[in-house]
Amino acid sequence: MPSDAVLHQAAALCLTYPDDDLQARLSLLREAAPQLREFVDHAALTPVRELAAHYVEVFDPEGLHSLYLSRWTDGGDAGRLGRAAEGVPFEDLYRRHGLEFTGEERPDFLPAVLEYAARTGDTEPLTRHREGLERLRSRLAGLRTPYASVLDAVCAILPTVCTSAPTVRTTPTTVRTTPPTAYIP
């Protein structure tokens, strides 16, 4: 099995807008990350234009399958751009690790976060957004899109996070501090 970093980088490539560069890398992706084989095989058999049209249809930024992590945690507020870890904005987290965010997408774009994880080994931003990633994965599976297999692979290597609060006993217990009184008939 490939390292998590290789899978993160390969998944980032699979989740970006498909173009001729992706098509040229498919054999490398197939070898490097066998967990992505379902998607890679589909992409290899599908013309780039058709793959691109499907991508746009599936990943509408304002729709139910957004690749922006803040969509899943911040109510979709594009102005907030999401928080990566410990309340730190994604751009600040990237800078902290010597990376500069460039491009047309927002810093909470899942492929960017996957690439960050691949380069730094820091999966905290992905783990922090695991619940949203699981919801996205489930919705993609419901569509029966090959992109679901990419999210399956990403979620499979993330640590499990307990999102529910621990159970706290709220029923008072009685502690007997005196010996019981004997019953004498």
Protein backbone atom coordinates (compact mmCIF):
# COMPACT_ATOMS: atom_id res chain seq x y z
CA MET A 1 0.00 0.00 0.00
CA PRO A 2 1.23 3.48 -0.74
CA SER A 3 1.96 5.96 1.99
CA ASP A 4 -0.81 8.25 3.12
CA ALA A 5 1.06 11.17 1.53
CA VAL A 6 0.99 9.47 -1.88
CA LEU A 7 -2.72 8.75 -1.54
CA HIS A 8 -3.45 12.33 -0.47
CA GLN A 9 -1.55 13.73 -3.47
CA ALA A 10 -3.17 11.29 -5.88
CA ALA A 11 -6.66 12.03 -4.49
CA ALA A 12 -5.96 15.76 -4.86
CA LEU A 13 -5.22 15.21 -8.55
CA CYS A 14 -8.36 13.12 -9.01
CA LEU A 15 -10.55 15.77 -7.39
CA THR A 16 -9.35 18.71 -9.47
CA TYR A 17 -10.97 19.76 -12.72
CA PRO A 18 -10.09 17.04 -15.24
CA ASP A 19 -7.91 18.00 -18.17
CA ASP A 20 -5.28 16.53 -20.48
CA ASP A 21 -2.70 16.64 -17.65
CA LEU A 22 -4.87 14.33 -15.56
CA GLN A 23 -5.28 11.97 -18.52
CA ALA A 24 -1.48 11.90 -18.94
CA ARG A 25 -1.00 10.95 -15.27
CA LEU A 26 -3.59 8.18 -15.03
CA SER A 27 -1.15 5.29 -15.42
CA LEU A 28 1.07 6.80 -12.72
CA LEU A 29 -1.95 7.27 -10.44
CA ARG A 30 -3.02 3.67 -11.03
CA GLU A 31 0.40 2.42 -9.93
CA ALA A 32 0.94 4.87 -7.07
CA ALA A 33 -2.50 4.61 -5.45
CA PRO A 34 -4.33 1.36 -6.17
CA GLN A 35 -7.14 2.46 -3.82
CA LEU A 36 -8.14 4.95 -6.54
CA ARG A 37 -8.30 2.32 -9.30
CA GLU A 38 -12.10 2.57 -9.73
CA PHE A 39 -11.89 6.28 -10.45
CA VAL A 40 -8.68 6.02 -12.50
CA ASP A 41 -10.11 3.25 -14.68
CA HIS A 42 -13.27 5.29 -15.26
CA ALA A 43 -11.24 8.39 -16.14
CA ALA A 44 -9.07 6.38 -18.55
CA LEU A 45 -12.15 5.21 -20.47
CA THR A 46 -13.99 8.53 -20.47
CA PRO A 47 -13.21 11.36 -22.91
CA VAL A 48 -11.82 14.43 -21.13
CA ARG A 49 -14.73 16.65 -22.21
CA GLU A 50 -17.26 14.17 -20.82
CA LEU A 51 -15.28 13.80 -17.60
CA ALA A 52 -15.10 17.60 -17.25
CA ALA A 53 -18.85 17.98 -17.82
CA HIS A 54 -19.53 15.34 -15.16
CA TYR A 55 -17.14 17.10 -12.74
CA VAL A 56 -18.99 20.42 -13.17
CA GLU A 57 -22.34 18.70 -12.74
CA VAL A 58 -21.27 16.87 -9.58
CA PHE A 59 -19.16 19.51 -7.83
CA ASP A 60 -21.27 22.64 -8.09
CA PRO A 61 -19.66 24.87 -5.40
CA GLU A 62 -23.04 26.00 -4.10
CA GLY A 63 -24.69 22.59 -4.43
CA LEU A 64 -24.89 19.49 -2.30
CA HIS A 65 -21.47 18.17 -3.34
CA SER A 66 -19.18 21.12 -2.78
CA LEU A 67 -15.44 20.48 -2.46
CA TYR A 68 -15.10 23.52 -0.17
CA LEU A 69 -14.71 22.25 3.38
CA SER A 70 -16.27 25.40 4.87
CA ARG A 71 -19.47 24.43 3.08
CA TRP A 72 -19.69 21.50 5.46
CA THR A 73 -18.73 23.24 8.71
CA ASP A 74 -19.29 26.99 8.41
CA GLY A 75 -22.71 26.94 6.83
CA GLY A 76 -21.18 27.53 3.42
CA ASP A 77 -20.11 31.09 4.18
CA ALA A 78 -17.47 31.81 1.52
CA GLY A 79 -16.34 34.87 3.46
CA ARG A 80 -15.29 32.75 6.44
CA LEU A 81 -13.15 30.38 4.36
CA GLY A 82 -13.26 27.76 7.06
CA ARG A 83 -10.86 26.91 9.80
CA ALA A 84 -8.18 24.31 9.36
CA ALA A 85 -7.22 23.32 12.87
CA GLU A 86 -7.43 24.91 16.28
CA GLY A 87 -9.41 27.78 14.76
CA VAL A 88 -6.58 28.73 12.39
CA PRO A 89 -7.60 29.86 8.89
CA PHE A 90 -6.34 27.58 6.13
CA GLU A 91 -4.12 30.24 4.57
CA ASP A 92 -2.36 30.85 7.89
CA LEU A 93 -1.84 27.12 8.35
CA TYR A 94 -0.29 26.85 4.88
CA ARG A 95 2.05 29.79 5.60
CA ARG A 96 3.03 28.28 8.94
CA HIS A 97 4.37 25.27 7.02
CA GLY A 98 6.17 27.37 4.40
CA LEU A 99 3.52 26.89 1.72
CA GLU A 100 1.88 29.64 -0.24
CA PHE A 101 -1.64 29.18 -1.47
CA THR A 102 -2.04 30.19 -5.11
CA GLY A 103 -4.69 29.58 -7.68
CA GLU A 104 -8.26 30.44 -8.38
CA GLU A 105 -9.83 28.27 -5.70
CA ARG A 106 -10.36 29.12 -2.04
CA PRO A 107 -7.87 27.73 0.51
CA ASP A 108 -10.48 25.32 1.91
CA PHE A 109 -10.78 23.55 -1.47
CA LEU A 110 -10.45 19.84 -0.70
CA PRO A 111 -7.76 19.13 -3.32
CA ALA A 112 -5.65 21.96 -1.82
CA VAL A 113 -6.10 20.56 1.68
CA LEU A 114 -5.18 17.08 0.43
CA GLU A 115 -2.04 18.46 -1.20
CA TYR A 116 -1.19 20.26 2.05
CA ALA A 117 -1.54 16.94 3.93
CA ALA A 118 0.64 15.20 1.33
CA ARG A 119 3.41 17.77 1.64
CA THR A 120 3.40 18.24 5.41
CA GLY A 121 2.03 14.99 6.84
CA ASP A 122 -0.43 17.09 8.85
CA THR A 123 -3.86 15.47 8.53
CA GLU A 124 -5.49 17.53 11.29
CA PRO A 125 -7.43 19.72 8.83
CA LEU A 126 -8.85 16.62 7.15
CA THR A 127 -9.57 14.93 10.47
CA ARG A 128 -11.24 18.07 11.77
CA HIS A 129 -13.53 18.02 8.73
CA ARG A 130 -14.08 14.28 8.73
CA GLU A 131 -17.81 14.53 9.43
CA GLY A 132 -18.27 16.78 6.40
CA LEU A 133 -16.08 14.52 4.27
CA GLU A 134 -18.20 11.54 5.29
CA ARG A 135 -21.38 13.41 4.35
CA LEU A 136 -19.87 14.35 0.98
CA ARG A 137 -18.73 10.75 0.46
CA SER A 138 -22.21 9.46 1.24
CA ARG A 139 -23.84 11.91 -1.15
CA LEU A 140 -21.41 11.04 -3.93
CA ALA A 141 -22.10 7.34 -3.35
CA GLY A 142 -25.81 8.09 -3.66
CA LEU A 143 -25.11 9.62 -7.07
CA ARG A 144 -23.13 6.52 -8.05
CA THR A 145 -20.34 8.72 -9.33
CA PRO A 146 -16.78 7.37 -9.55
CA TYR A 147 -15.69 10.34 -7.44
CA ALA A 148 -17.23 8.53 -4.45
CA SER A 149 -14.41 5.99 -4.58
CA VAL A 150 -11.87 8.80 -4.18
CA LEU A 151 -13.62 9.99 -1.01
CA ASP A 152 -13.88 6.36 0.15
CA ALA A 153 -10.10 6.06 -0.05
CA VAL A 154 -9.46 9.40 1.69
CA CYS A 155 -11.89 8.69 4.53
CA ALA A 156 -10.54 5.16 4.97
CA ILE A 157 -7.12 6.43 6.06
CA LEU A 158 -8.32 9.21 8.35
CA PRO A 159 -8.33 8.53 12.07
CA THR A 160 -11.75 8.02 13.58
CA VAL A 161 -12.92 11.03 15.51
CA CYS A 162 -15.52 10.90 18.22
CA THR A 163 -17.92 13.73 17.42
CA SER A 164 -20.36 13.08 20.23
CA ALA A 165 -19.82 14.26 23.77
CA PRO A 166 -18.97 11.65 26.35
CA THR A 167 -21.88 10.31 28.32
CA VAL A 168 -22.16 12.07 31.64
CA ARG A 169 -24.29 10.62 34.37
CA THR A 170 -26.82 13.25 35.35
CA THR A 171 -28.86 11.11 37.72
CA PRO A 172 -27.77 11.78 41.27
CA THR A 173 -26.53 8.81 43.20
CA THR A 174 -27.12 8.36 46.88
CA VAL A 175 -24.17 7.59 49.01
CA ARG A 176 -24.96 6.10 52.38
CA THR A 177 -22.81 7.65 55.04
CA THR A 178 -24.40 5.97 58.04
CA PRO A 179 -24.98 2.32 58.64
CA PRO A 180 -28.44 1.12 57.86
CA THR A 181 -30.85 1.10 60.73
CA ALA A 182 -31.68 -2.40 61.81
CA TYR A 183 -35.28 -3.39 61.63
CA ILE A 184 -36.43 -4.97 64.81
CA PRO A 185 -39.96 -6.36 64.80
